């Protein structure tokens, strides 16, 4: 099963690569308060021309480079 995430583009300064911020919320194991955590993922943008602030859906693919393992599925 391939992982699919929704996120926001925060940088498009590299060639064919963008950085997407993924935000997830989960309850604390003991206190049950919701905790918000952000991950920044490098994605391949071969067919898209995204801009900073765009909401995108990304999907996991085979490794494209040392740090890129995702590509943009669609711009929301």
PDB file of N, CA and C in Angstrom:
ATOM      1  N   UNK A   1       0.841  -1.184   0.000  1.00  0.00           N
ATOM      2  CA  UNK A   1       0.000   0.000   0.000  1.00  0.00           C
ATOM      3  C   UNK A   1       0.883   1.242   0.000  1.00  0.00           C
ATOM      4  N   UNK A   2       0.728   2.082  -0.999  1.00  0.00           N
ATOM      5  CA  UNK A   2       1.513   3.306  -1.079  1.00  0.00           C
ATOM      6  C   UNK A   2       0.916   4.378  -0.175  1.00  0.00           C
ATOM      7  N   UNK A   3       1.804   5.140   0.466  1.00  0.00           N
ATOM      8  CA  UNK A   3       1.351   6.192   1.364  1.00  0.00           C
ATOM      9  C   UNK A   3       0.925   7.406   0.554  1.00  0.00           C
ATOM     10  N   UNK A   4      -0.181   8.008   0.942  1.00  0.00           N
ATOM     11  CA  UNK A   4      -0.682   9.224   0.299  1.00  0.00           C
ATOM     12  C   UNK A   4      -0.901  10.262   1.389  1.00  0.00           C
ATOM     13  N   UNK A   5      -0.335  11.468   1.198  1.00  0.00           N
ATOM     14  CA  UNK A   5      -0.454  12.539   2.172  1.00  0.00           C
ATOM     15  C   UNK A   5      -0.950  13.805   1.503  1.00  0.00           C
ATOM     16  N   UNK A   6      -1.576  14.675   2.288  1.00  0.00           N
ATOM     17  CA  UNK A   6      -1.921  16.022   1.856  1.00  0.00           C
ATOM     18  C   UNK A   6      -0.959  16.978   2.546  1.00  0.00           C
ATOM     19  N   UNK A   7      -0.533  18.014   1.828  1.00  0.00           N
ATOM     20  CA  UNK A   7       0.395  18.967   2.421  1.00  0.00           C
ATOM     21  C   UNK A   7       0.394  20.285   1.684  1.00  0.00           C
ATOM     22  N   UNK A   8       1.262  21.181   2.136  1.00  0.00           N
ATOM     23  CA  UNK A   8       1.378  22.524   1.567  1.00  0.00           C
ATOM     24  C   UNK A   8       2.808  22.712   1.091  1.00  0.00           C
ATOM     25  N   UNK A   9       2.973  23.255  -0.106  1.00  0.00           N
ATOM     26  CA  UNK A   9       4.305  23.508  -0.645  1.00  0.00           C
ATOM     27  C   UNK A   9       4.913  24.715   0.056  1.00  0.00           C
ATOM     28  N   UNK A  10       6.132  24.536   0.581  1.00  0.00           N
ATOM     29  CA  UNK A  10       6.804  25.624   1.286  1.00  0.00           C
ATOM     30  C   UNK A  10       8.028  26.135   0.542  1.00  0.00           C
ATOM     31  N   UNK A  11       8.533  25.388  -0.449  1.00  0.00           N
ATOM     32  CA  UNK A  11       9.703  25.844  -1.191  1.00  0.00           C
ATOM     33  C   UNK A  11       9.726  25.189  -2.569  1.00  0.00           C
ATOM     34  N   UNK A  12      10.103  25.975  -3.579  1.00  0.00           N
ATOM     35  CA  UNK A  12      10.267  25.448  -4.942  1.00  0.00           C
ATOM     36  C   UNK A  12      11.578  25.970  -5.536  1.00  0.00           C
ATOM     37  N   UNK A  13      12.612  26.100  -4.730  1.00  0.00           N
ATOM     38  CA  UNK A  13      13.859  26.711  -5.170  1.00  0.00           C
ATOM     39  C   UNK A  13      14.813  25.744  -5.863  1.00  0.00           C
ATOM     40  N   UNK A  14      14.539  24.447  -5.804  1.00  0.00           N
ATOM     41  CA  UNK A  14      15.412  23.461  -6.443  1.00  0.00           C
ATOM     42  C   UNK A  14      14.843  23.049  -7.796  1.00  0.00           C
ATOM     43  N   UNK A  15      15.698  22.505  -8.638  1.00  0.00           N
ATOM     44  CA  UNK A  15      15.243  22.041  -9.943  1.00  0.00           C
ATOM     45  C   UNK A  15      14.521  20.713  -9.779  1.00  0.00           C
ATOM     46  N   UNK A  16      13.296  20.635 -10.340  1.00  0.00           N
ATOM     47  CA  UNK A  16      12.477  19.417 -10.333  1.00  0.00           C
ATOM     48  C   UNK A  16      12.157  18.907  -8.929  1.00  0.00           C
ATOM     49  N   UNK A  17      12.330  19.734  -7.911  1.00  0.00           N
ATOM     50  CA  UNK A  17      12.067  19.318  -6.536  1.00  0.00           C
ATOM     51  C   UNK A  17      11.354  20.428  -5.784  1.00  0.00           C
ATOM     52  N   UNK A  18      10.393  20.049  -4.973  1.00  0.00           N
ATOM     53  CA  UNK A  18       9.718  20.986  -4.082  1.00  0.00           C
ATOM     54  C   UNK A  18       9.717  20.379  -2.686  1.00  0.00           C
ATOM     55  N   UNK A  19       9.562  21.239  -1.688  1.00  0.00           N
ATOM     56  CA  UNK A  19       9.456  20.771  -0.315  1.00  0.00           C
ATOM     57  C   UNK A  19       8.018  20.970   0.145  1.00  0.00           C
ATOM     58  N   UNK A  20       7.420  19.885   0.647  1.00  0.00           N
ATOM     59  CA  UNK A  20       6.033  19.891   1.089  1.00  0.00           C
ATOM     60  C   UNK A  20       6.004  19.676   2.597  1.00  0.00           C
ATOM     61  N   UNK A  21       5.204  20.498   3.299  1.00  0.00           N
ATOM     62  CA  UNK A  21       5.050  20.354   4.741  1.00  0.00           C
ATOM     63  C   UNK A  21       3.802  19.531   5.025  1.00  0.00           C
ATOM     64  N   UNK A  22       3.999  18.419   5.726  1.00  0.00           N
ATOM     65  CA  UNK A  22       2.913  17.526   6.114  1.00  0.00           C
ATOM     66  C   UNK A  22       2.638  17.758   7.595  1.00  0.00           C
ATOM     67  N   UNK A  23       1.386  18.024   7.955  1.00  0.00           N
ATOM     68  CA  UNK A  23       1.008  18.223   9.347  1.00  0.00           C
ATOM     69  C   UNK A  23       0.123  17.066   9.786  1.00  0.00           C
ATOM     70  N   UNK A  24       0.471  16.475  10.938  1.00  0.00           N
ATOM     71  CA  UNK A  24      -0.357  15.399  11.473  1.00  0.00           C
ATOM     72  C   UNK A  24      -0.645  15.682  12.937  1.00  0.00           C
ATOM     73  N   UNK A  25      -1.814  15.248  13.384  1.00  0.00           N
ATOM     74  CA  UNK A  25      -2.223  15.410  14.774  1.00  0.00           C
ATOM     75  C   UNK A  25      -2.484  14.034  15.356  1.00  0.00           C
ATOM     76  N   UNK A  26      -2.012  13.839  16.587  1.00  0.00           N
ATOM     77  CA  UNK A  26      -2.248  12.580  17.261  1.00  0.00           C
ATOM     78  C   UNK A  26      -2.360  12.837  18.761  1.00  0.00           C
ATOM     79  N   UNK A  27      -3.069  12.001  19.487  1.00  0.00           N
ATOM     80  CA  UNK A  27      -3.206  12.220  20.931  1.00  0.00           C
ATOM     81  C   UNK A  27      -1.952  11.776  21.676  1.00  0.00           C
ATOM     82  N   UNK A  28      -1.627  12.511  22.722  1.00  0.00           N
ATOM     83  CA  UNK A  28      -0.512  12.141  23.594  1.00  0.00           C
ATOM     84  C   UNK A  28      -0.846  10.809  24.268  1.00  0.00           C
ATOM     85  N   UNK A  29       0.123   9.899  24.365  1.00  0.00           N
ATOM     86  CA  UNK A  29      -0.192   8.575  24.913  1.00  0.00           C
ATOM     87  C   UNK A  29      -0.763   8.585  26.338  1.00  0.00           C
ATOM     88  N   UNK A  30      -0.302   9.514  27.172  1.00  0.00           N
ATOM     89  CA  UNK A  30      -0.761   9.533  28.552  1.00  0.00           C
ATOM     90  C   UNK A  30      -1.843  10.579  28.797  1.00  0.00           C
ATOM     91  N   UNK A  31      -1.623  11.801  28.291  1.00  0.00           N
ATOM     92  CA  UNK A  31      -2.515  12.915  28.623  1.00  0.00           C
ATOM     93  C   UNK A  31      -3.638  13.146  27.616  1.00  0.00           C
ATOM     94  N   UNK A  32      -3.595  12.485  26.487  1.00  0.00           N
ATOM     95  CA  UNK A  32      -4.659  12.513  25.468  1.00  0.00           C
ATOM     96  C   UNK A  32      -4.870  13.880  24.818  1.00  0.00           C
ATOM     97  N   UNK A  33      -3.996  14.844  25.074  1.00  0.00           N
ATOM     98  CA  UNK A  33      -4.086  16.128  24.395  1.00  0.00           C
ATOM     99  C   UNK A  33      -3.551  15.963  22.971  1.00  0.00           C
ATOM    100  N   UNK A  34      -4.181  16.634  22.001  1.00  0.00           N
ATOM    101  CA  UNK A  34      -3.729  16.528  20.624  1.00  0.00           C
ATOM    102  C   UNK A  34      -2.395  17.242  20.448  1.00  0.00           C
ATOM    103  N   UNK A  35      -1.466  16.560  19.813  1.00  0.00           N
ATOM    104  CA  UNK A  35      -0.144  17.111  19.521  1.00  0.00           C
ATOM    105  C   UNK A  35      -0.035  17.273  18.020  1.00  0.00           C
ATOM    106  N   UNK A  36       0.491  18.422  17.587  1.00  0.00           N
ATOM    107  CA  UNK A  36       0.657  18.689  16.161  1.00  0.00           C
ATOM    108  C   UNK A  36       2.133  18.588  15.804  1.00  0.00           C
ATOM    109  N   UNK A  37       2.449  17.784  14.802  1.00  0.00           N
ATOM    110  CA  UNK A  37       3.819  17.606  14.347  1.00  0.00           C
ATOM    111  C   UNK A  37       3.882  17.866  12.846  1.00  0.00           C
ATOM    112  N   UNK A  38       4.971  18.507  12.396  1.00  0.00           N
ATOM    113  CA  UNK A  38       5.184  18.804  10.985  1.00  0.00           C
ATOM    114  C   UNK A  38       6.368  18.007  10.470  1.00  0.00           C
ATOM    115  N   UNK A  39       6.253  17.509   9.244  1.00  0.00           N
ATOM    116  CA  UNK A  39       7.361  16.878   8.541  1.00  0.00           C
ATOM    117  C   UNK A  39       7.528  17.598   7.213  1.00  0.00           C
ATOM    118  N   UNK A  40       8.776  17.792   6.806  1.00  0.00           N
ATOM    119  CA  UNK A  40       9.064  18.416   5.515  1.00  0.00           C
ATOM    120  C   UNK A  40       9.615  17.330   4.595  1.00  0.00           C
ATOM    121  N   UNK A  41       8.926  17.107   3.481  1.00  0.00           N
ATOM    122  CA  UNK A  41       9.259  16.024   2.571  1.00  0.00           C
ATOM    123  C   UNK A  41       9.632  16.606   1.216  1.00  0.00           C
ATOM    124  N   UNK A  42      10.715  16.094   0.617  1.00  0.00           N
ATOM    125  CA  UNK A  42      11.103  16.500  -0.730  1.00  0.00           C
ATOM    126  C   UNK A  42      10.327  15.660  -1.735  1.00  0.00           C
ATOM    127  N   UNK A  43       9.734  16.341  -2.729  1.00  0.00           N
ATOM    128  CA  UNK A  43       8.919  15.652  -3.724  1.00  0.00           C
ATOM    129  C   UNK A  43       9.386  16.021  -5.128  1.00  0.00           C
ATOM    130  N   UNK A  44       9.132  15.116  -6.065  1.00  0.00           N
ATOM    131  CA  UNK A  44       9.482  15.338  -7.466  1.00  0.00           C
ATOM    132  C   UNK A  44       8.341  16.077  -8.150  1.00  0.00           C
ATOM    133  N   UNK A  45       8.666  17.104  -8.937  1.00  0.00           N
ATOM    134  CA  UNK A  45       7.642  17.907  -9.619  1.00  0.00           C
ATOM    135  C   UNK A  45       7.912  17.920 -11.122  1.00  0.00           C
ATOM    136  N   UNK A  46       8.123  16.747 -11.706  1.00  0.00           N
ATOM    137  CA  UNK A  46       8.488  16.658 -13.115  1.00  0.00           C
ATOM    138  C   UNK A  46       7.406  17.214 -14.036  1.00  0.00           C
ATOM    139  N   UNK A  47       6.126  16.936 -13.755  1.00  0.00           N
ATOM    140  CA  UNK A  47       5.056  17.335 -14.671  1.00  0.00           C
ATOM    141  C   UNK A  47       4.252  18.523 -14.184  1.00  0.00           C
ATOM    142  N   UNK A  48       4.467  18.951 -12.938  1.00  0.00           N
ATOM    143  CA  UNK A  48       3.702  20.063 -12.374  1.00  0.00           C
ATOM    144  C   UNK A  48       4.589  21.297 -12.245  1.00  0.00           C
ATOM    145  N   UNK A  49       3.953  22.466 -12.180  1.00  0.00           N
ATOM    146  CA  UNK A  49       4.649  23.723 -11.905  1.00  0.00           C
ATOM    147  C   UNK A  49       3.993  24.356 -10.688  1.00  0.00           C
ATOM    148  N   UNK A  50       4.251  23.817  -9.493  1.00  0.00           N
ATOM    149  CA  UNK A  50       3.577  24.312  -8.302  1.00  0.00           C
ATOM    150  C   UNK A  50       4.153  25.631  -7.818  1.00  0.00           C
ATOM    151  N   UNK A  51       3.376  26.337  -7.029  1.00  0.00           N
ATOM    152  CA  UNK A  51       3.813  27.587  -6.414  1.00  0.00           C
ATOM    153  C   UNK A  51       3.772  27.415  -4.904  1.00  0.00           C
ATOM    154  N   UNK A  52       4.496  28.270  -4.217  1.00  0.00           N
ATOM    155  CA  UNK A  52       4.510  28.214  -2.759  1.00  0.00           C
ATOM    156  C   UNK A  52       3.104  28.491  -2.240  1.00  0.00           C
ATOM    157  N   UNK A  53       2.637  27.666  -1.313  1.00  0.00           N
ATOM    158  CA  UNK A  53       1.310  27.828  -0.737  1.00  0.00           C
ATOM    159  C   UNK A  53       0.256  26.923  -1.344  1.00  0.00           C
ATOM    160  N   UNK A  54       0.566  26.235  -2.429  1.00  0.00           N
ATOM    161  CA  UNK A  54      -0.396  25.318  -3.036  1.00  0.00           C
ATOM    162  C   UNK A  54      -0.613  24.102  -2.143  1.00  0.00           C
ATOM    163  N   UNK A  55      -1.865  23.660  -2.043  1.00  0.00           N
ATOM    164  CA  UNK A  55      -2.182  22.406  -1.366  1.00  0.00           C
ATOM    165  C   UNK A  55      -2.033  21.286  -2.377  1.00  0.00           C
ATOM    166  N   UNK A  56      -1.295  20.250  -2.015  1.00  0.00           N
ATOM    167  CA  UNK A  56      -1.040  19.151  -2.943  1.00  0.00           C
ATOM    168  C   UNK A  56      -1.279  17.822  -2.254  1.00  0.00           C
ATOM    169  N   UNK A  57      -1.530  16.813  -3.074  1.00  0.00           N
ATOM    170  CA  UNK A  57      -1.615  15.438  -2.611  1.00  0.00           C
ATOM    171  C   UNK A  57      -0.385  14.730  -3.176  1.00  0.00           C
ATOM    172  N   UNK A  58       0.388  14.067  -2.302  1.00  0.00           N
ATOM    173  CA  UNK A  58       1.608  13.394  -2.748  1.00  0.00           C
ATOM    174  C   UNK A  58       1.482  11.898  -2.501  1.00  0.00           C
ATOM    175  N   UNK A  59       2.226  11.115  -3.298  1.00  0.00           N
ATOM    176  CA  UNK A  59       2.169   9.660  -3.198  1.00  0.00           C
ATOM    177  C   UNK A  59       3.588   9.118  -3.137  1.00  0.00           C
ATOM    178  N   UNK A  60       3.750   8.045  -2.410  1.00  0.00           N
ATOM    179  CA  UNK A  60       5.053   7.403  -2.270  1.00  0.00           C
ATOM    180  C   UNK A  60       5.388   6.635  -3.541  1.00  0.00           C
ATOM    181  N   UNK A  61       6.641   6.748  -4.004  1.00  0.00           N
ATOM    182  CA  UNK A  61       7.111   6.022  -5.187  1.00  0.00           C
ATOM    183  C   UNK A  61       8.478   5.422  -4.864  1.00  0.00           C
ATOM    184  N   UNK A  62       9.014   4.681  -5.814  1.00  0.00           N
ATOM    185  CA  UNK A  62      10.359   4.141  -5.594  1.00  0.00           C
ATOM    186  C   UNK A  62      11.351   5.300  -5.500  1.00  0.00           C
ATOM    187  N   UNK A  63      12.489   5.111  -4.855  1.00  0.00           N
ATOM    188  CA  UNK A  63      13.421   6.226  -4.654  1.00  0.00           C
ATOM    189  C   UNK A  63      13.868   6.862  -5.965  1.00  0.00           C
ATOM    190  N   UNK A  64      13.717   8.193  -6.039  1.00  0.00           N
ATOM    191  CA  UNK A  64      14.123   8.958  -7.211  1.00  0.00           C
ATOM    192  C   UNK A  64      15.559   9.434  -7.033  1.00  0.00           C
ATOM    193  N   UNK A  65      15.912   9.771  -5.800  1.00  0.00           N
ATOM    194  CA  UNK A  65      17.280  10.157  -5.461  1.00  0.00           C
ATOM    195  C   UNK A  65      17.518   9.767  -4.010  1.00  0.00           C
ATOM    196  N   UNK A  66      18.597  10.266  -3.430  1.00  0.00           N
ATOM    197  CA  UNK A  66      18.926   9.904  -2.048  1.00  0.00           C
ATOM    198  C   UNK A  66      17.840  10.322  -1.065  1.00  0.00           C
ATOM    199  N   UNK A  67      17.216  11.487  -1.300  1.00  0.00           N
ATOM    200  CA  UNK A  67      16.236  12.003  -0.338  1.00  0.00           C
ATOM    201  C   UNK A  67      14.823  12.132  -0.896  1.00  0.00           C
ATOM    202  N   UNK A  68      14.611  11.854  -2.180  1.00  0.00           N
ATOM    203  CA  UNK A  68      13.271  11.982  -2.775  1.00  0.00           C
ATOM    204  C   UNK A  68      12.632  10.616  -2.952  1.00  0.00           C
ATOM    205  N   UNK A  69      11.464  10.434  -2.290  1.00  0.00           N
ATOM    206  CA  UNK A  69      10.726   9.177  -2.396  1.00  0.00           C
ATOM    207  C   UNK A  69       9.247   9.427  -2.662  1.00  0.00           C
ATOM    208  N   UNK A  70       8.886  10.666  -2.983  1.00  0.00           N
ATOM    209  CA  UNK A  70       7.496  11.022  -3.227  1.00  0.00           C
ATOM    210  C   UNK A  70       7.395  11.820  -4.522  1.00  0.00           C
ATOM    211  N   UNK A  71       6.189  11.815  -5.112  1.00  0.00           N
ATOM    212  CA  UNK A  71       5.903  12.700  -6.241  1.00  0.00           C
ATOM    213  C   UNK A  71       4.516  13.267  -6.051  1.00  0.00           C
ATOM    214  N   UNK A  72       4.244  14.385  -6.745  1.00  0.00           N
ATOM    215  CA  UNK A  72       2.940  15.038  -6.620  1.00  0.00           C
ATOM    216  C   UNK A  72       1.911  14.265  -7.412  1.00  0.00           C
ATOM    217  N   UNK A  73       0.826  13.934  -6.755  1.00  0.00           N
ATOM    218  CA  UNK A  73      -0.278  13.228  -7.411  1.00  0.00           C
ATOM    219  C   UNK A  73      -1.227  14.213  -8.057  1.00  0.00           C
ATOM    220  N   UNK A  74      -1.587  15.281  -7.311  1.00  0.00           N
ATOM    221  CA  UNK A  74      -2.459  16.322  -7.848  1.00  0.00           C
ATOM    222  C   UNK A  74      -2.334  17.580  -7.023  1.00  0.00           C
ATOM    223  N   UNK A  75      -2.669  18.699  -7.643  1.00  0.00           N
ATOM    224  CA  UNK A  75      -2.741  19.972  -6.930  1.00  0.00           C
ATOM    225  C   UNK A  75      -4.204  20.189  -6.549  1.00  0.00           C
ATOM    226  N   UNK A  76      -4.456  20.382  -5.267  1.00  0.00           N
ATOM    227  CA  UNK A  76      -5.837  20.495  -4.782  1.00  0.00           C
ATOM    228  C   UNK A  76      -6.293  21.946  -4.886  1.00  0.00           C
TER     229      UNK A  76
END
